[in-house]
PDB file of N, CA and C in Angstrom:
ATOM      1  N   MET A   1     -55.103-196.101 -14.105  1.00  0.00           N
ATOM      2  CA  MET A   1     -53.758-196.223 -14.102  1.00  0.00           C
ATOM      3  C   MET A   1     -53.082-197.758 -14.545  1.00  0.00           C
ATOM      4  N   LYS A   2     -52.466-197.747 -15.254  1.00  0.00           N
ATOM      5  CA  LYS A   2     -51.931-199.081 -15.404  1.00  0.00           C
ATOM      6  C   LYS A   2     -50.933-199.585 -14.334  1.00  0.00           C
ATOM      7  N   ARG A   3     -51.087-200.988 -14.188  1.00  0.00           N
ATOM      8  CA  ARG A   3     -50.139-201.584 -13.206  1.00  0.00           C
ATOM      9  C   ARG A   3     -48.772-201.805 -13.924  1.00  0.00           C
ATOM     10  N   ILE A   4     -47.739-201.865 -12.935  1.00  0.00           N
ATOM     11  CA  ILE A   4     -46.462-202.015 -13.467  1.00  0.00           C
ATOM     12  C   ILE A   4     -46.083-203.437 -13.215  1.00  0.00           C
ATOM     13  N   THR A   5     -45.786-203.774 -14.437  1.00  0.00           N
ATOM     14  CA  THR A   5     -45.296-205.230 -14.418  1.00  0.00           C
ATOM     15  C   THR A   5     -43.902-205.497 -14.865  1.00  0.00           C
ATOM     16  N   CYS A   6     -43.298-206.477 -15.011  1.00  0.00           N
ATOM     17  CA  CYS A   6     -41.923-206.741 -15.367  1.00  0.00           C
ATOM     18  C   CYS A   6     -41.751-206.386 -16.847  1.00  0.00           C
ATOM     19  N   GLN A   7     -42.952-206.802 -17.372  1.00  0.00           N
ATOM     20  CA  GLN A   7     -42.874-206.635 -19.050  1.00  0.00           C
ATOM     21  C   GLN A   7     -42.925-205.310 -19.345  1.00  0.00           C
ATOM     22  N   SER A   8     -43.663-204.297 -18.604  1.00  0.00           N
ATOM     23  CA  SER A   8     -43.638-202.850 -18.806  1.00  0.00           C
ATOM     24  C   SER A   8     -42.406-202.183 -18.784  1.00  0.00           C
ATOM     25  N   ILE A   9     -41.760-202.669 -17.613  1.00  0.00           N
ATOM     26  CA  ILE A   9     -40.471-202.434 -17.226  1.00  0.00           C
ATOM     27  C   ILE A   9     -39.452-202.532 -18.374  1.00  0.00           C
ATOM     28  N   CYS A  10     -39.288-203.742 -18.764  1.00  0.00           N
ATOM     29  CA  CYS A  10     -38.571-204.433 -19.867  1.00  0.00           C
ATOM     30  C   CYS A  10     -38.811-203.414 -21.432  1.00  0.00           C
ATOM     31  N   ASP A  11     -40.199-203.068 -21.701  1.00  0.00           N
ATOM     32  CA  ASP A  11     -40.476-202.556 -22.640  1.00  0.00           C
ATOM     33  C   ASP A  11     -39.799-201.152 -22.716  1.00  0.00           C
ATOM     34  N   LEU A  12     -39.958-200.466 -21.528  1.00  0.00           N
ATOM     35  CA  LEU A  12     -39.580-199.105 -21.414  1.00  0.00           C
ATOM     36  C   LEU A  12     -37.893-199.154 -21.274  1.00  0.00           C
ATOM     37  N   LEU A  13     -37.480-199.922 -20.800  1.00  0.00           N
ATOM     38  CA  LEU A  13     -35.782-200.017 -20.884  1.00  0.00           C
ATOM     39  C   LEU A  13     -35.445-200.484 -22.296  1.00  0.00           C
ATOM     40  N   ASP A  14     -36.399-201.136 -22.997  1.00  0.00           N
ATOM     41  CA  ASP A  14     -35.954-201.465 -24.297  1.00  0.00           C
ATOM     42  C   ASP A  14     -36.046-200.212 -25.308  1.00  0.00           C
ATOM     43  N   ASP A  15     -36.904-199.323 -25.024  1.00  0.00           N
ATOM     44  CA  ASP A  15     -37.198-198.204 -25.600  1.00  0.00           C
ATOM     45  C   ASP A  15     -36.152-197.184 -25.634  1.00  0.00           C
ATOM     46  N   VAL A  16     -35.779-196.932 -24.183  1.00  0.00           N
ATOM     47  CA  VAL A  16     -34.651-196.031 -23.692  1.00  0.00           C
ATOM     48  C   VAL A  16     -33.177-196.669 -24.545  1.00  0.00           C
ATOM     49  N   VAL A  17     -32.915-197.866 -24.561  1.00  0.00           N
ATOM     50  CA  VAL A  17     -31.899-198.475 -25.201  1.00  0.00           C
ATOM     51  C   VAL A  17     -32.036-198.202 -26.721  1.00  0.00           C
ATOM     52  N   ARG A  18     -33.161-198.425 -27.297  1.00  0.00           N
ATOM     53  CA  ARG A  18     -33.135-197.869 -28.691  1.00  0.00           C
ATOM     54  C   ARG A  18     -32.954-196.666 -29.156  1.00  0.00           C
ATOM     55  N   ALA A  19     -33.755-195.633 -28.335  1.00  0.00           N
ATOM     56  CA  ALA A  19     -33.234-194.293 -28.292  1.00  0.00           C
ATOM     57  C   ALA A  19     -31.640-193.655 -28.112  1.00  0.00           C
ATOM     58  N   PHE A  20     -31.107-194.455 -27.284  1.00  0.00           N
ATOM     59  CA  PHE A  20     -29.647-194.288 -27.249  1.00  0.00           C
ATOM     60  C   PHE A  20     -29.117-194.536 -28.389  1.00  0.00           C
ATOM     61  N   LEU A  21     -29.161-195.649 -28.972  1.00  0.00           N
ATOM     62  CA  LEU A  21     -28.632-196.179 -30.230  1.00  0.00           C
ATOM     63  C   LEU A  21     -28.747-195.411 -31.200  1.00  0.00           C
ATOM     64  N   HIS A  22     -30.017-194.868 -31.481  1.00  0.00           N
ATOM     65  CA  HIS A  22     -30.386-194.010 -32.338  1.00  0.00           C
ATOM     66  C   HIS A  22     -29.615-192.735 -32.391  1.00  0.00           C
ATOM     67  N   THR A  23     -29.686-192.317 -31.289  1.00  0.00           N
ATOM     68  CA  THR A  23     -28.844-190.857 -31.131  1.00  0.00           C
ATOM     69  C   THR A  23     -27.565-191.060 -31.296  1.00  0.00           C
ATOM     70  N   GLY A  24     -27.029-192.202 -31.003  1.00  0.00           N
ATOM     71  CA  GLY A  24     -25.378-192.682 -31.157  1.00  0.00           C
ATOM     72  C   GLY A  24     -25.174-192.772 -32.587  1.00  0.00           C
ATOM     73  N   ARG A  25     -25.980-193.158 -33.343  1.00  0.00           N
ATOM     74  CA  ARG A  25     -25.697-193.586 -34.789  1.00  0.00           C
ATOM     75  C   ARG A  25     -26.027-192.161 -35.627  1.00  0.00           C
ATOM     76  N   ILE A  26     -26.799-191.365 -34.983  1.00  0.00           N
ATOM     77  CA  ILE A  26     -26.861-189.939 -35.871  1.00  0.00           C
ATOM     78  C   ILE A  26     -25.572-189.349 -35.509  1.00  0.00           C
ATOM     79  N   GLY A  27     -25.076-189.178 -34.120  1.00  0.00           N
ATOM     80  CA  GLY A  27     -23.825-188.576 -33.820  1.00  0.00           C
ATOM     81  C   GLY A  27     -22.664-189.174 -34.401  1.00  0.00           C
ATOM     82  N   LEU A  28     -22.386-190.540 -34.669  1.00  0.00           N
ATOM     83  CA  LEU A  28     -21.374-191.163 -35.446  1.00  0.00           C
ATOM     84  C   LEU A  28     -21.566-190.681 -36.870  1.00  0.00           C
ATOM     85  N   GLY A  29     -22.768-190.646 -37.328  1.00  0.00           N
ATOM     86  CA  GLY A  29     -22.870-190.128 -38.933  1.00  0.00           C
ATOM     87  C   GLY A  29     -22.474-188.565 -39.084  1.00  0.00           C
ATOM     88  N   ALA A  30     -22.664-187.763 -38.129  1.00  0.00           N
ATOM     89  CA  ALA A  30     -22.173-186.432 -38.228  1.00  0.00           C
ATOM     90  C   ALA A  30     -20.739-186.404 -37.980  1.00  0.00           C
ATOM     91  N   LEU A  31     -20.265-187.277 -37.205  1.00  0.00           N
ATOM     92  CA  LEU A  31     -18.711-187.378 -37.129  1.00  0.00           C
ATOM     93  C   LEU A  31     -17.925-187.730 -38.115  1.00  0.00           C
ATOM     94  N   ARG A  32     -18.606-188.841 -39.048  1.00  0.00           N
ATOM     95  CA  ARG A  32     -18.247-189.332 -40.235  1.00  0.00           C
ATOM     96  C   ARG A  32     -18.042-188.387 -41.224  1.00  0.00           C
ATOM     97  N   ARG A  33     -19.121-187.472 -41.223  1.00  0.00           N
ATOM     98  CA  ARG A  33     -19.209-186.630 -42.429  1.00  0.00           C
ATOM     99  C   ARG A  33     -18.236-185.264 -42.306  1.00  0.00           C
ATOM    100  N   MET A  34     -17.714-185.088 -41.082  1.00  0.00           N
ATOM    101  CA  MET A  34     -16.982-183.695 -40.799  1.00  0.00           C
ATOM    102  C   MET A  34     -15.404-183.997 -41.239  1.00  0.00           C
ATOM    103  N   SER A  35     -14.937-182.847 -41.610  1.00  0.00           N
ATOM    104  CA  SER A  35     -13.733-182.890 -42.208  1.00  0.00           C
ATOM    105  C   SER A  35     -12.635-182.979 -40.961  1.00  0.00           C
ATOM    106  N   TRP A  36     -11.471-183.253 -41.038  1.00  0.00           N
ATOM    107  CA  TRP A  36     -10.553-183.231 -40.111  1.00  0.00           C
ATOM    108  C   TRP A  36     -10.209-181.956 -39.241  1.00  0.00           C
ATOM    109  N   PRO A  37     -10.202-180.933 -40.187  1.00  0.00           N
ATOM    110  CA  PRO A  37     -10.181-179.692 -39.236  1.00  0.00           C
ATOM    111  C   PRO A  37     -11.308-179.200 -38.499  1.00  0.00           C
ATOM    112  N   ALA A  38     -12.528-179.597 -38.896  1.00  0.00           N
ATOM    113  CA  ALA A  38     -13.750-179.543 -37.947  1.00  0.00           C
ATOM    114  C   ALA A  38     -13.674-180.628 -37.046  1.00  0.00           C
ATOM    115  N   LEU A  39     -13.306-181.475 -37.063  1.00  0.00           N
ATOM    116  CA  LEU A  39     -13.339-182.661 -35.970  1.00  0.00           C
ATOM    117  C   LEU A  39     -12.382-182.460 -35.091  1.00  0.00           C
ATOM    118  N   LEU A  40     -11.326-181.669 -35.370  1.00  0.00           N
ATOM    119  CA  LEU A  40     -10.251-181.220 -34.305  1.00  0.00           C
ATOM    120  C   LEU A  40     -10.815-179.986 -33.584  1.00  0.00           C
ATOM    121  N   LEU A  41     -11.511-179.359 -34.303  1.00  0.00           N
ATOM    122  CA  LEU A  41     -11.948-177.897 -33.619  1.00  0.00           C
ATOM    123  C   LEU A  41     -13.127-178.370 -32.589  1.00  0.00           C
ATOM    124  N   SER A  42     -13.871-179.365 -32.912  1.00  0.00           N
ATOM    125  CA  SER A  42     -14.990-179.634 -32.194  1.00  0.00           C
ATOM    126  C   SER A  42     -14.498-180.398 -30.858  1.00  0.00           C
ATOM    127  N   SER A  43     -13.630-181.226 -31.362  1.00  0.00           N
ATOM    128  CA  SER A  43     -12.877-181.965 -30.035  1.00  0.00           C
ATOM    129  C   SER A  43     -12.101-180.881 -28.963  1.00  0.00           C
ATOM    130  N   VAL A  44     -11.601-179.959 -29.565  1.00  0.00           N
ATOM    131  CA  VAL A  44     -10.825-178.901 -28.617  1.00  0.00           C
ATOM    132  C   VAL A  44     -11.944-178.450 -27.792  1.00  0.00           C
ATOM    133  N   LEU A  45     -12.980-177.705 -28.703  1.00  0.00           N
ATOM    134  CA  LEU A  45     -14.035-177.049 -28.012  1.00  0.00           C
ATOM    135  C   LEU A  45     -14.850-177.940 -26.847  1.00  0.00           C
ATOM    136  N   LEU A  46     -15.200-179.256 -27.045  1.00  0.00           N
ATOM    137  CA  LEU A  46     -15.506-180.202 -26.326  1.00  0.00           C
ATOM    138  C   LEU A  46     -14.656-180.319 -25.162  1.00  0.00           C
ATOM    139  N   ALA A  47     -13.361-180.474 -25.188  1.00  0.00           N
ATOM    140  CA  ALA A  47     -12.250-180.509 -24.042  1.00  0.00           C
ATOM    141  C   ALA A  47     -12.494-179.568 -23.340  1.00  0.00           C
ATOM    142  N   LEU A  48     -12.482-178.350 -23.991  1.00  0.00           N
ATOM    143  CA  LEU A  48     -12.446-176.856 -23.084  1.00  0.00           C
ATOM    144  C   LEU A  48     -13.860-176.729 -22.504  1.00  0.00           C
ATOM    145  N   LEU A  49     -15.052-177.134 -22.963  1.00  0.00           N
ATOM    146  CA  LEU A  49     -16.258-177.147 -22.395  1.00  0.00           C
ATOM    147  C   LEU A  49     -16.246-178.154 -21.094  1.00  0.00           C
ATOM    148  N   LEU A  50     -15.497-179.254 -21.261  1.00  0.00           N
ATOM    149  CA  LEU A  50     -15.377-180.259 -20.004  1.00  0.00           C
ATOM    150  C   LEU A  50     -14.691-180.037 -18.811  1.00  0.00           C
ATOM    151  N   THR A  51     -13.664-179.144 -19.181  1.00  0.00           N
ATOM    152  CA  THR A  51     -12.726-178.839 -18.243  1.00  0.00           C
ATOM    153  C   THR A  51     -12.954-177.348 -17.737  1.00  0.00           C
ATOM    154  N   ILE A  52     -13.140-176.213 -18.667  1.00  0.00           N
ATOM    155  CA  ILE A  52     -13.329-174.809 -18.281  1.00  0.00           C
ATOM    156  C   ILE A  52     -14.575-174.607 -17.598  1.00  0.00           C
ATOM    157  N   LEU A  53     -15.493-175.074 -18.070  1.00  0.00           N
ATOM    158  CA  LEU A  53     -16.982-174.833 -17.380  1.00  0.00           C
ATOM    159  C   LEU A  53     -17.189-175.325 -15.854  1.00  0.00           C
ATOM    160  N   PRO A  54     -16.860-176.454 -15.610  1.00  0.00           N
ATOM    161  CA  PRO A  54     -16.840-176.961 -14.404  1.00  0.00           C
ATOM    162  C   PRO A  54     -15.947-176.210 -13.330  1.00  0.00           C
ATOM    163  N   LEU A  55     -14.681-175.820 -13.826  1.00  0.00           N
ATOM    164  CA  LEU A  55     -13.767-175.079 -13.114  1.00  0.00           C
ATOM    165  C   LEU A  55     -14.630-173.689 -12.827  1.00  0.00           C
ATOM    166  N   ALA A  56     -15.074-173.075 -13.850  1.00  0.00           N
ATOM    167  CA  ALA A  56     -15.601-171.746 -13.471  1.00  0.00           C
ATOM    168  C   ALA A  56     -16.595-171.712 -12.656  1.00  0.00           C
ATOM    169  N   LEU A  57     -17.538-172.855 -12.769  1.00  0.00           N
ATOM    170  CA  LEU A  57     -18.665-172.866 -11.672  1.00  0.00           C
ATOM    171  C   LEU A  57     -18.234-173.198 -10.323  1.00  0.00           C
ATOM    172  N   LEU A  58     -17.271-173.936 -10.106  1.00  0.00           N
ATOM    173  CA  LEU A  58     -16.674-174.253  -8.671  1.00  0.00           C
ATOM    174  C   LEU A  58     -16.148-172.996  -8.359  1.00  0.00           C
ATOM    175  N   LEU A  59     -15.380-172.154  -8.988  1.00  0.00           N
ATOM    176  CA  LEU A  59     -14.884-171.141  -8.474  1.00  0.00           C
ATOM    177  C   LEU A  59     -15.839-169.811  -8.239  1.00  0.00           C
ATOM    178  N   PHE A  60     -16.883-169.758  -9.159  1.00  0.00           N
ATOM    179  CA  PHE A  60     -18.087-169.117  -8.815  1.00  0.00           C
ATOM    180  C   PHE A  60     -18.785-169.164  -7.412  1.00  0.00           C
ATOM    181  N   THR A  61     -18.715-170.611  -7.216  1.00  0.00           N
ATOM    182  CA  THR A  61     -19.504-170.974  -5.734  1.00  0.00           C
ATOM    183  C   THR A  61     -18.567-170.812  -4.916  1.00  0.00           C
ATOM    184  N   VAL A  62     -17.166-171.138  -4.780  1.00  0.00           N
ATOM    185  CA  VAL A  62     -16.239-170.713  -3.737  1.00  0.00           C
ATOM    186  C   VAL A  62     -16.074-169.368  -3.602  1.00  0.00           C
ATOM    187  N   PHE A  63     -16.042-168.359  -4.475  1.00  0.00           N
ATOM    188  CA  PHE A  63     -16.032-166.874  -4.285  1.00  0.00           C
ATOM    189  C   PHE A  63     -17.650-166.527  -3.770  1.00  0.00           C
ATOM    190  N   LEU A  64     -18.536-166.918  -4.049  1.00  0.00           N
ATOM    191  CA  LEU A  64     -19.722-166.616  -3.553  1.00  0.00           C
ATOM    192  C   LEU A  64     -19.828-167.069  -2.042  1.00  0.00           C
ATOM    193  N   LEU A  65     -19.490-168.034  -1.690  1.00  0.00           N
ATOM    194  CA  LEU A  65     -19.698-168.762  -0.376  1.00  0.00           C
ATOM    195  C   LEU A  65     -18.411-167.878   0.589  1.00  0.00           C
ATOM    196  N   LEU A  66     -17.246-167.463   0.011  1.00  0.00           N
ATOM    197  CA  LEU A  66     -16.303-166.554   0.609  1.00  0.00           C
ATOM    198  C   LEU A  66     -17.039-165.298   0.900  1.00  0.00           C
ATOM    199  N   LYS A  67     -17.534-164.861  -0.129  1.00  0.00           N
ATOM    200  CA  LYS A  67     -18.061-163.438   0.149  1.00  0.00           C
ATOM    201  C   LYS A  67     -19.222-163.614   1.055  1.00  0.00           C
ATOM    202  N   LEU A  68     -20.231-164.444   1.234  1.00  0.00           N
ATOM    203  CA  LEU A  68     -21.233-164.608   2.035  1.00  0.00           C
ATOM    204  C   LEU A  68     -20.628-164.690   3.527  1.00  0.00           C
ATOM    205  N   ALA A  69     -19.512-165.320   3.839  1.00  0.00           N
ATOM    206  CA  ALA A  69     -18.884-165.586   5.018  1.00  0.00           C
ATOM    207  C   ALA A  69     -18.125-164.442   5.582  1.00  0.00           C
ATOM    208  N   LEU A  70     -17.798-163.798   4.705  1.00  0.00           N
ATOM    209  CA  LEU A  70     -17.100-162.586   5.114  1.00  0.00           C
ATOM    210  C   LEU A  70     -18.145-161.515   5.646  1.00  0.00           C
ATOM    211  N   GLY A  71     -19.102-161.404   4.701  1.00  0.00           N
ATOM    212  CA  GLY A  71     -20.347-160.466   4.995  1.00  0.00           C
ATOM    213  C   GLY A  71     -20.838-160.779   6.033  1.00  0.00           C
ATOM    214  N   ALA A  72     -21.210-162.113   6.584  1.00  0.00           N
ATOM    215  CA  ALA A  72     -21.582-162.467   7.997  1.00  0.00           C
ATOM    216  C   ALA A  72     -20.775-162.163   8.953  1.00  0.00           C
ATOM    217  N   VAL A  73     -19.361-162.205   8.789  1.00  0.00           N
ATOM    218  CA  VAL A  73     -18.474-161.763   9.936  1.00  0.00           C
ATOM    219  C   VAL A  73     -18.344-160.262   9.999  1.00  0.00           C
ATOM    220  N   VAL A  74     -18.392-159.493   8.982  1.00  0.00           N
ATOM    221  CA  VAL A  74     -18.411-158.234   9.131  1.00  0.00           C
ATOM    222  C   VAL A  74     -19.917-157.464   9.748  1.00  0.00           C
ATOM    223  N   ILE A  75     -20.903-157.795   9.262  1.00  0.00           N
ATOM    224  CA  ILE A  75     -22.068-157.635   9.968  1.00  0.00           C
ATOM    225  C   ILE A  75     -22.462-157.782  11.306  1.00  0.00           C
ATOM    226  N   GLY A  76     -21.599-159.141  11.749  1.00  0.00           N
ATOM    227  CA  GLY A  76     -21.608-159.547  13.345  1.00  0.00           C
ATOM    228  C   GLY A  76     -20.938-158.709  13.953  1.00  0.00           C
ATOM    229  N   SER A  77     -19.834-158.129  13.407  1.00  0.00           N
ATOM    230  CA  SER A  77     -19.043-157.375  14.306  1.00  0.00           C
ATOM    231  C   SER A  77     -19.523-155.850  14.513  1.00  0.00           C
ATOM    232  N   ARG A  78     -19.991-155.245  13.423  1.00  0.00           N
ATOM    233  CA  ARG A  78     -20.666-154.412  13.286  1.00  0.00           C
ATOM    234  C   ARG A  78     -21.958-154.049  14.140  1.00  0.00           C
ATOM    235  N   ARG A  79     -22.646-155.258  14.311  1.00  0.00           N
ATOM    236  CA  ARG A  79     -23.718-155.259  15.131  1.00  0.00           C
ATOM    237  C   ARG A  79     -23.104-155.226  16.814  1.00  0.00           C
ATOM    238  N   ALA A  80     -22.280-155.875  17.164  1.00  0.00           N
ATOM    239  CA  ALA A  80     -21.632-156.378  18.436  1.00  0.00           C
ATOM    240  C   ALA A  80     -20.938-154.736  18.701  1.00  0.00           C
ATOM    241  N   ARG A  81     -20.441-154.372  17.728  1.00  0.00           N
ATOM    242  CA  ARG A  81     -19.827-152.866  18.161  1.00  0.00           C
ATOM    243  C   ARG A  81     -20.715-151.939  18.385  1.00  0.00           C
ATOM    244  N   ARG A  82     -21.941-151.879  17.656  1.00  0.00           N
ATOM    245  CA  ARG A  82     -22.943-150.955  17.824  1.00  0.00           C
ATOM    246  C   ARG A  82     -23.786-151.116  19.210  1.00  0.00           C
ATOM    247  N   ASP A  83     -23.847-152.594  19.525  1.00  0.00           N
ATOM    248  CA  ASP A  83     -24.494-152.821  20.811  1.00  0.00           C
ATOM    249  C   ASP A  83     -23.785-152.449  22.007  1.00  0.00           C
ATOM    250  N   ASP A  84     -22.277-152.641  22.042  1.00  0.00           N
ATOM    251  CA  ASP A  84     -21.525-152.117  22.884  1.00  0.00           C
ATOM    252  C   ASP A  84     -21.404-150.491  23.152  1.00  0.00           C
ATOM    253  N   LYS A  85     -21.636-149.849  22.219  1.00  0.00           N
ATOM    254  CA  LYS A  85     -21.591-148.649  22.219  1.00  0.00           C
ATOM    255  C   LYS A  85     -22.964-147.837  22.745  1.00  0.00           C
ATOM    256  N   SER A  86     -23.946-148.736  22.431  1.00  0.00           N
ATOM    257  CA  SER A  86     -25.299-148.269  22.865  1.00  0.00           C
ATOM    258  C   SER A  86     -25.489-148.563  24.283  1.00  0.00           C
ATOM    259  N   HIS A  87     -25.170-149.663  25.034  1.00  0.00           N
ATOM    260  CA  HIS A  87     -25.204-149.964  26.251  1.00  0.00           C
ATOM    261  C   HIS A  87     -23.746-149.889  27.037  1.00  0.00           C
ATOM    262  N   PRO A  88     -23.423-148.681  27.727  1.00  0.00           N
ATOM    263  CA  PRO A  88     -21.920-148.396  28.387  1.00  0.00           C
ATOM    264  C   PRO A  88     -22.177-149.084  29.793  1.00  0.00           C
TER     265      PRO A  88
END
């Protein structure tokens, strides 16, 4: 295994920056070639994706936790009622 040096970290960061810049140039080129209606549609879809998807995931998580909590309460009360009936 190679030793980690300052030069190897700098080379790695340089490669990462170069890859991000290359991806950004490709994305900007694709945006430049899009027509105005396609650009509008893609921006609206991106906005919906960034707002609706996290909201849906949050609501799913909240309702799942609520369901689990209510299920635990119901099961606990049924067990307590069953134990009370079996031991008079």
